[in-house]
Amino acid sequence: MFLPMLVSPRSSSCVENIAVDLLGGVVSVIYHNGSQFRYENVSRRAILNLILNKNMSLGFWVNENLLPYYKNVACYAS
């Protein structure tokens, strides 16, 4: 079950919003261009780091923790 929690808004030139499910290891990302992606089996430690570190850029976190590792993800066109 996906119980999303919105991550506090931060500066990012590419990411508009991120919703996370810490226990399920699921991250949903909405980009500024309107595309939405759902990433599964994301490191819970990385998700917790994103939640607790309020100064971290959303785009930086996505580039470091999602893009290099998750090639097959669900894409929702808007």
PDB file of N, CA and C in Angstrom:
ATOM      1  N   MET A   1       0.846  -1.178   0.000  1.00  0.00           N
ATOM      2  CA  MET A   1       0.000   0.000   0.000  1.00  0.00           C
ATOM      3  C   MET A   1       0.884   1.232   0.000  1.00  0.00           C
ATOM      4  N   PHE A   2       0.547   2.187  -0.835  1.00  0.00           N
ATOM      5  CA  PHE A   2       1.332   3.410  -0.957  1.00  0.00           C
ATOM      6  C   PHE A   2       0.715   4.484  -0.078  1.00  0.00           C
ATOM      7  N   LEU A   3       1.409   4.836   0.979  1.00  0.00           N
ATOM      8  CA  LEU A   3       0.972   5.899   1.879  1.00  0.00           C
ATOM      9  C   LEU A   3       1.902   7.079   1.683  1.00  0.00           C
ATOM     10  N   PRO A   4       1.570   7.962   0.746  1.00  0.00           N
ATOM     11  CA  PRO A   4       2.502   9.038   0.392  1.00  0.00           C
ATOM     12  C   PRO A   4       2.625  10.112   1.458  1.00  0.00           C
ATOM     13  N   MET A   5       3.820  10.617   1.560  1.00  0.00           N
ATOM     14  CA  MET A   5       4.111  11.753   2.424  1.00  0.00           C
ATOM     15  C   MET A   5       4.846  12.756   1.553  1.00  0.00           C
ATOM     16  N   LEU A   6       4.323  13.961   1.448  1.00  0.00           N
ATOM     17  CA  LEU A   6       4.985  14.977   0.631  1.00  0.00           C
ATOM     18  C   LEU A   6       6.240  15.471   1.323  1.00  0.00           C
ATOM     19  N   VAL A   7       7.296  15.581   0.568  1.00  0.00           N
ATOM     20  CA  VAL A   7       8.551  16.125   1.071  1.00  0.00           C
ATOM     21  C   VAL A   7       8.428  17.641   1.074  1.00  0.00           C
ATOM     22  N   SER A   8       8.975  18.287   2.076  1.00  0.00           N
ATOM     23  CA  SER A   8       8.872  19.743   2.172  1.00  0.00           C
ATOM     24  C   SER A   8       9.428  20.408   0.917  1.00  0.00           C
ATOM     25  N   PRO A   9       8.774  21.469   0.456  1.00  0.00           N
ATOM     26  CA  PRO A   9       9.221  22.146  -0.773  1.00  0.00           C
ATOM     27  C   PRO A   9      10.640  22.703  -0.646  1.00  0.00           C
ATOM     28  N   ARG A  10      11.400  22.559  -1.724  1.00  0.00           N
ATOM     29  CA  ARG A  10      12.784  23.045  -1.763  1.00  0.00           C
ATOM     30  C   ARG A  10      13.104  23.552  -3.149  1.00  0.00           C
ATOM     31  N   SER A  11      14.257  24.174  -3.263  1.00  0.00           N
ATOM     32  CA  SER A  11      14.659  24.693  -4.568  1.00  0.00           C
ATOM     33  C   SER A  11      15.095  23.552  -5.476  1.00  0.00           C
ATOM     34  N   SER A  12      14.658  23.623  -6.720  1.00  0.00           N
ATOM     35  CA  SER A  12      15.087  22.669  -7.727  1.00  0.00           C
ATOM     36  C   SER A  12      14.700  23.215  -9.090  1.00  0.00           C
ATOM     37  N   SER A  13      15.597  23.084 -10.041  1.00  0.00           N
ATOM     38  CA  SER A  13      15.300  23.569 -11.385  1.00  0.00           C
ATOM     39  C   SER A  13      14.582  22.513 -12.218  1.00  0.00           C
ATOM     40  N   CYS A  14      14.546  21.267 -11.752  1.00  0.00           N
ATOM     41  CA  CYS A  14      13.893  20.229 -12.553  1.00  0.00           C
ATOM     42  C   CYS A  14      12.755  19.509 -11.829  1.00  0.00           C
ATOM     43  N   VAL A  15      12.805  19.432 -10.504  1.00  0.00           N
ATOM     44  CA  VAL A  15      11.800  18.679  -9.754  1.00  0.00           C
ATOM     45  C   VAL A  15      10.810  19.637  -9.111  1.00  0.00           C
ATOM     46  N   GLU A  16       9.524  19.380  -9.371  1.00  0.00           N
ATOM     47  CA  GLU A  16       8.480  20.208  -8.780  1.00  0.00           C
ATOM     48  C   GLU A  16       8.096  19.701  -7.398  1.00  0.00           C
ATOM     49  N   ASN A  17       7.916  18.372  -7.271  1.00  0.00           N
ATOM     50  CA  ASN A  17       7.456  17.814  -6.012  1.00  0.00           C
ATOM     51  C   ASN A  17       7.851  16.349  -5.907  1.00  0.00           C
ATOM     52  N   ILE A  18       8.012  15.872  -4.680  1.00  0.00           N
ATOM     53  CA  ILE A  18       8.314  14.469  -4.423  1.00  0.00           C
ATOM     54  C   ILE A  18       7.402  13.985  -3.306  1.00  0.00           C
ATOM     55  N   ALA A  19       6.802  12.808  -3.513  1.00  0.00           N
ATOM     56  CA  ALA A  19       6.035  12.129  -2.471  1.00  0.00           C
ATOM     57  C   ALA A  19       6.739  10.801  -2.200  1.00  0.00           C
ATOM     58  N   VAL A  20       6.874  10.449  -0.923  1.00  0.00           N
ATOM     59  CA  VAL A  20       7.605   9.238  -0.567  1.00  0.00           C
ATOM     60  C   VAL A  20       6.766   8.341   0.338  1.00  0.00           C
ATOM     61  N   ASP A  21       7.036   7.054   0.244  1.00  0.00           N
ATOM     62  CA  ASP A  21       6.509   6.053   1.170  1.00  0.00           C
ATOM     63  C   ASP A  21       7.732   5.389   1.786  1.00  0.00           C
ATOM     64  N   LEU A  22       8.097   5.823   2.972  1.00  0.00           N
ATOM     65  CA  LEU A  22       9.328   5.354   3.607  1.00  0.00           C
ATOM     66  C   LEU A  22       9.301   3.847   3.844  1.00  0.00           C
ATOM     67  N   LEU A  23       8.223   3.325   4.387  1.00  0.00           N
ATOM     68  CA  LEU A  23       8.163   1.894   4.691  1.00  0.00           C
ATOM     69  C   LEU A  23       8.133   1.036   3.432  1.00  0.00           C
ATOM     70  N   GLY A  24       7.460   1.498   2.396  1.00  0.00           N
ATOM     71  CA  GLY A  24       7.364   0.736   1.158  1.00  0.00           C
ATOM     72  C   GLY A  24       8.524   0.940   0.211  1.00  0.00           C
ATOM     73  N   GLY A  25       9.342   1.974   0.444  1.00  0.00           N
ATOM     74  CA  GLY A  25      10.473   2.251  -0.433  1.00  0.00           C
ATOM     75  C   GLY A  25      10.046   2.757  -1.800  1.00  0.00           C
ATOM     76  N   VAL A  26       8.949   3.533  -1.833  1.00  0.00           N
ATOM     77  CA  VAL A  26       8.406   4.040  -3.091  1.00  0.00           C
ATOM     78  C   VAL A  26       8.533   5.559  -3.121  1.00  0.00           C
ATOM     79  N   VAL A  27       8.970   6.081  -4.267  1.00  0.00           N
ATOM     80  CA  VAL A  27       9.113   7.526  -4.446  1.00  0.00           C
ATOM     81  C   VAL A  27       8.397   7.918  -5.736  1.00  0.00           C
ATOM     82  N   SER A  28       7.537   8.928  -5.655  1.00  0.00           N
ATOM     83  CA  SER A  28       6.881   9.488  -6.839  1.00  0.00           C
ATOM     84  C   SER A  28       7.427  10.886  -7.052  1.00  0.00           C
ATOM     85  N   VAL A  29       7.894  11.146  -8.263  1.00  0.00           N
ATOM     86  CA  VAL A  29       8.512  12.436  -8.587  1.00  0.00           C
ATOM     87  C   VAL A  29       7.695  13.115  -9.685  1.00  0.00           C
ATOM     88  N   ILE A  30       7.367  14.390  -9.473  1.00  0.00           N
ATOM     89  CA  ILE A  30       6.731  15.217 -10.495  1.00  0.00           C
ATOM     90  C   ILE A  30       7.757  16.253 -10.930  1.00  0.00           C
ATOM     91  N   TYR A  31       8.062  16.240 -12.230  1.00  0.00           N
ATOM     92  CA  TYR A  31       9.046  17.165 -12.773  1.00  0.00           C
ATOM     93  C   TYR A  31       8.352  18.438 -13.258  1.00  0.00           C
ATOM     94  N   HIS A  32       9.112  19.508 -13.416  1.00  0.00           N
ATOM     95  CA  HIS A  32       8.559  20.782 -13.854  1.00  0.00           C
ATOM     96  C   HIS A  32       7.931  20.702 -15.246  1.00  0.00           C
ATOM     97  N   ASN A  33       8.381  19.767 -16.080  1.00  0.00           N
ATOM     98  CA  ASN A  33       7.805  19.628 -17.421  1.00  0.00           C
ATOM     99  C   ASN A  33       6.477  18.871 -17.404  1.00  0.00           C
ATOM    100  N   GLY A  34       6.023  18.437 -16.224  1.00  0.00           N
ATOM    101  CA  GLY A  34       4.739  17.767 -16.087  1.00  0.00           C
ATOM    102  C   GLY A  34       4.796  16.256 -16.043  1.00  0.00           C
ATOM    103  N   SER A  35       5.920  15.655 -16.363  1.00  0.00           N
ATOM    104  CA  SER A  35       6.013  14.199 -16.328  1.00  0.00           C
ATOM    105  C   SER A  35       6.109  13.711 -14.887  1.00  0.00           C
ATOM    106  N   GLN A  36       5.569  12.510 -14.671  1.00  0.00           N
ATOM    107  CA  GLN A  36       5.570  11.899 -13.343  1.00  0.00           C
ATOM    108  C   GLN A  36       6.188  10.511 -13.433  1.00  0.00           C
ATOM    109  N   PHE A  37       7.031  10.178 -12.467  1.00  0.00           N
ATOM    110  CA  PHE A  37       7.660   8.872 -12.421  1.00  0.00           C
ATOM    111  C   PHE A  37       7.505   8.270 -11.034  1.00  0.00           C
ATOM    112  N   ARG A  38       7.331   6.961 -11.011  1.00  0.00           N
ATOM    113  CA  ARG A  38       7.217   6.233  -9.742  1.00  0.00           C
ATOM    114  C   ARG A  38       8.394   5.258  -9.670  1.00  0.00           C
ATOM    115  N   TYR A  39       9.170   5.375  -8.616  1.00  0.00           N
ATOM    116  CA  TYR A  39      10.350   4.529  -8.402  1.00  0.00           C
ATOM    117  C   TYR A  39      10.058   3.604  -7.230  1.00  0.00           C
ATOM    118  N   GLU A  40      10.333   2.320  -7.405  1.00  0.00           N
ATOM    119  CA  GLU A  40      10.102   1.336  -6.348  1.00  0.00           C
ATOM    120  C   GLU A  40      11.423   0.753  -5.878  1.00  0.00           C
ATOM    121  N   ASN A  41      11.404   0.172  -4.692  1.00  0.00           N
ATOM    122  CA  ASN A  41      12.587  -0.431  -4.068  1.00  0.00           C
ATOM    123  C   ASN A  41      13.714   0.568  -3.892  1.00  0.00           C
ATOM    124  N   VAL A  42      13.356   1.784  -3.541  1.00  0.00           N
ATOM    125  CA  VAL A  42      14.343   2.826  -3.272  1.00  0.00           C
ATOM    126  C   VAL A  42      14.883   2.627  -1.870  1.00  0.00           C
ATOM    127  N   SER A  43      16.145   2.915  -1.686  1.00  0.00           N
ATOM    128  CA  SER A  43      16.778   2.792  -0.376  1.00  0.00           C
ATOM    129  C   SER A  43      16.015   3.597   0.669  1.00  0.00           C
ATOM    130  N   ARG A  44      15.592   2.923   1.722  1.00  0.00           N
ATOM    131  CA  ARG A  44      14.874   3.611   2.798  1.00  0.00           C
ATOM    132  C   ARG A  44      15.779   4.601   3.520  1.00  0.00           C
ATOM    133  N   ARG A  45      17.051   4.288   3.561  1.00  0.00           N
ATOM    134  CA  ARG A  45      18.013   5.205   4.168  1.00  0.00           C
ATOM    135  C   ARG A  45      18.111   6.498   3.358  1.00  0.00           C
ATOM    136  N   ALA A  46      18.101   6.386   2.038  1.00  0.00           N
ATOM    137  CA  ALA A  46      18.139   7.570   1.177  1.00  0.00           C
ATOM    138  C   ALA A  46      16.864   8.393   1.332  1.00  0.00           C
ATOM    139  N   ILE A  47      15.715   7.717   1.422  1.00  0.00           N
ATOM    140  CA  ILE A  47      14.445   8.426   1.616  1.00  0.00           C
ATOM    141  C   ILE A  47      14.446   9.160   2.944  1.00  0.00           C
ATOM    142  N   LEU A  48      14.897   8.500   3.997  1.00  0.00           N
ATOM    143  CA  LEU A  48      14.953   9.125   5.319  1.00  0.00           C
ATOM    144  C   LEU A  48      15.898  10.323   5.308  1.00  0.00           C
ATOM    145  N   ASN A  49      17.005  10.206   4.611  1.00  0.00           N
ATOM    146  CA  ASN A  49      17.951  11.319   4.489  1.00  0.00           C
ATOM    147  C   ASN A  49      17.287  12.516   3.812  1.00  0.00           C
ATOM    148  N   LEU A  50      16.480  12.254   2.786  1.00  0.00           N
ATOM    149  CA  LEU A  50      15.763  13.327   2.097  1.00  0.00           C
ATOM    150  C   LEU A  50      14.759  14.003   3.029  1.00  0.00           C
ATOM    151  N   ILE A  51      14.055  13.219   3.808  1.00  0.00           N
ATOM    152  CA  ILE A  51      13.046  13.761   4.728  1.00  0.00           C
ATOM    153  C   ILE A  51      13.701  14.622   5.808  1.00  0.00           C
ATOM    154  N   LEU A  52      14.811  14.149   6.357  1.00  0.00           N
ATOM    155  CA  LEU A  52      15.438  14.828   7.496  1.00  0.00           C
ATOM    156  C   LEU A  52      16.335  15.997   7.104  1.00  0.00           C
ATOM    157  N   ASN A  53      16.924  15.954   5.921  1.00  0.00           N
ATOM    158  CA  ASN A  53      17.848  16.999   5.486  1.00  0.00           C
ATOM    159  C   ASN A  53      17.084  18.055   4.687  1.00  0.00           C
ATOM    160  N   LYS A  54      16.600  19.068   5.366  1.00  0.00           N
ATOM    161  CA  LYS A  54      15.751  20.097   4.755  1.00  0.00           C
ATOM    162  C   LYS A  54      16.505  21.014   3.791  1.00  0.00           C
ATOM    163  N   ASN A  55      17.822  21.003   3.806  1.00  0.00           N
ATOM    164  CA  ASN A  55      18.608  21.881   2.934  1.00  0.00           C
ATOM    165  C   ASN A  55      18.989  21.233   1.610  1.00  0.00           C
ATOM    166  N   MET A  56      18.701  19.951   1.447  1.00  0.00           N
ATOM    167  CA  MET A  56      19.101  19.236   0.241  1.00  0.00           C
ATOM    168  C   MET A  56      18.163  19.569  -0.923  1.00  0.00           C
ATOM    169  N   SER A  57      18.725  19.870  -2.067  1.00  0.00           N
ATOM    170  CA  SER A  57      17.955  20.138  -3.278  1.00  0.00           C
ATOM    171  C   SER A  57      17.265  18.853  -3.738  1.00  0.00           C
ATOM    172  N   LEU A  58      16.015  18.982  -4.180  1.00  0.00           N
ATOM    173  CA  LEU A  58      15.286  17.815  -4.673  1.00  0.00           C
ATOM    174  C   LEU A  58      15.937  17.244  -5.922  1.00  0.00           C
ATOM    175  N   GLY A  59      16.381  18.127  -6.816  1.00  0.00           N
ATOM    176  CA  GLY A  59      17.042  17.665  -8.035  1.00  0.00           C
ATOM    177  C   GLY A  59      18.337  16.926  -7.738  1.00  0.00           C
ATOM    178  N   PHE A  60      19.119  17.434  -6.788  1.00  0.00           N
ATOM    179  CA  PHE A  60      20.354  16.764  -6.399  1.00  0.00           C
ATOM    180  C   PHE A  60      20.047  15.370  -5.865  1.00  0.00           C
ATOM    181  N   TRP A  61      19.025  15.256  -5.011  1.00  0.00           N
ATOM    182  CA  TRP A  61      18.682  13.966  -4.424  1.00  0.00           C
ATOM    183  C   TRP A  61      18.252  12.982  -5.513  1.00  0.00           C
ATOM    184  N   VAL A  62      17.426  13.423  -6.458  1.00  0.00           N
ATOM    185  CA  VAL A  62      16.988  12.551  -7.551  1.00  0.00           C
ATOM    186  C   VAL A  62      18.187  12.100  -8.373  1.00  0.00           C
ATOM    187  N   ASN A  63      19.071  13.020  -8.723  1.00  0.00           N
ATOM    188  CA  ASN A  63      20.248  12.677  -9.524  1.00  0.00           C
ATOM    189  C   ASN A  63      21.165  11.702  -8.812  1.00  0.00           C
ATOM    190  N   GLU A  64      21.299  11.824  -7.511  1.00  0.00           N
ATOM    191  CA  GLU A  64      22.215  10.962  -6.759  1.00  0.00           C
ATOM    192  C   GLU A  64      21.598   9.625  -6.368  1.00  0.00           C
ATOM    193  N   ASN A  65      20.282   9.582  -6.129  1.00  0.00           N
ATOM    194  CA  ASN A  65      19.674   8.384  -5.546  1.00  0.00           C
ATOM    195  C   ASN A  65      18.707   7.631  -6.442  1.00  0.00           C
ATOM    196  N   LEU A  66      18.229   8.232  -7.506  1.00  0.00           N
ATOM    197  CA  LEU A  66      17.258   7.541  -8.355  1.00  0.00           C
ATOM    198  C   LEU A  66      17.773   7.273  -9.760  1.00  0.00           C
ATOM    199  N   LEU A  67      18.228   8.288 -10.449  1.00  0.00           N
ATOM    200  CA  LEU A  67      18.568   8.141 -11.862  1.00  0.00           C
ATOM    201  C   LEU A  67      19.656   7.110 -12.154  1.00  0.00           C
ATOM    202  N   PRO A  68      20.722   7.013 -11.354  1.00  0.00           N
ATOM    203  CA  PRO A  68      21.756   6.020 -11.689  1.00  0.00           C
ATOM    204  C   PRO A  68      21.320   4.572 -11.480  1.00  0.00           C
ATOM    205  N   TYR A  69      20.311   4.318 -10.638  1.00  0.00           N
ATOM    206  CA  TYR A  69      19.996   2.958 -10.226  1.00  0.00           C
ATOM    207  C   TYR A  69      18.708   2.401 -10.799  1.00  0.00           C
ATOM    208  N   TYR A  70      17.771   3.247 -11.158  1.00  0.00           N
ATOM    209  CA  TYR A  70      16.452   2.777 -11.548  1.00  0.00           C
ATOM    210  C   TYR A  70      16.206   3.060 -13.025  1.00  0.00           C
ATOM    211  N   LYS A  71      16.385   2.028 -13.841  1.00  0.00           N
ATOM    212  CA  LYS A  71      16.221   2.169 -15.290  1.00  0.00           C
ATOM    213  C   LYS A  71      14.781   1.876 -15.716  1.00  0.00           C
ATOM    214  N   ASN A  72      14.127   0.918 -15.072  1.00  0.00           N
ATOM    215  CA  ASN A  72      12.767   0.540 -15.441  1.00  0.00           C
ATOM    216  C   ASN A  72      11.803   1.066 -14.384  1.00  0.00           C
ATOM    217  N   VAL A  73      11.183   2.170 -14.701  1.00  0.00           N
ATOM    218  CA  VAL A  73      10.238   2.782 -13.759  1.00  0.00           C
ATOM    219  C   VAL A  73       8.926   3.068 -14.479  1.00  0.00           C
ATOM    220  N   ALA A  74       7.885   3.250 -13.703  1.00  0.00           N
ATOM    221  CA  ALA A  74       6.596   3.596 -14.277  1.00  0.00           C
ATOM    222  C   ALA A  74       6.571   5.084 -14.585  1.00  0.00           C
ATOM    223  N   CYS A  75       6.168   5.421 -15.794  1.00  0.00           N
ATOM    224  CA  CYS A  75       6.082   6.820 -16.214  1.00  0.00           C
ATOM    225  C   CYS A  75       4.628   7.158 -16.467  1.00  0.00           C
ATOM    226  N   TYR A  76       4.184   8.247 -15.902  1.00  0.00           N
ATOM    227  CA  TYR A  76       2.814   8.685 -16.088  1.00  0.00           C
ATOM    228  C   TYR A  76       2.842   9.995 -16.865  1.00  0.00           C
ATOM    229  N   ALA A  77       2.366   9.971 -18.073  1.00  0.00           N
ATOM    230  CA  ALA A  77       2.339  11.191 -18.888  1.00  0.00           C
ATOM    231  C   ALA A  77       1.198  12.072 -18.403  1.00  0.00           C
ATOM    232  N   SER A  78       1.431  13.367 -18.440  1.00  0.00           N
ATOM    233  CA  SER A  78       0.374  14.265 -17.999  1.00  0.00           C
ATOM    234  C   SER A  78      -0.296  14.941 -19.163  1.00  0.00           C
TER     235      SER A  78
END
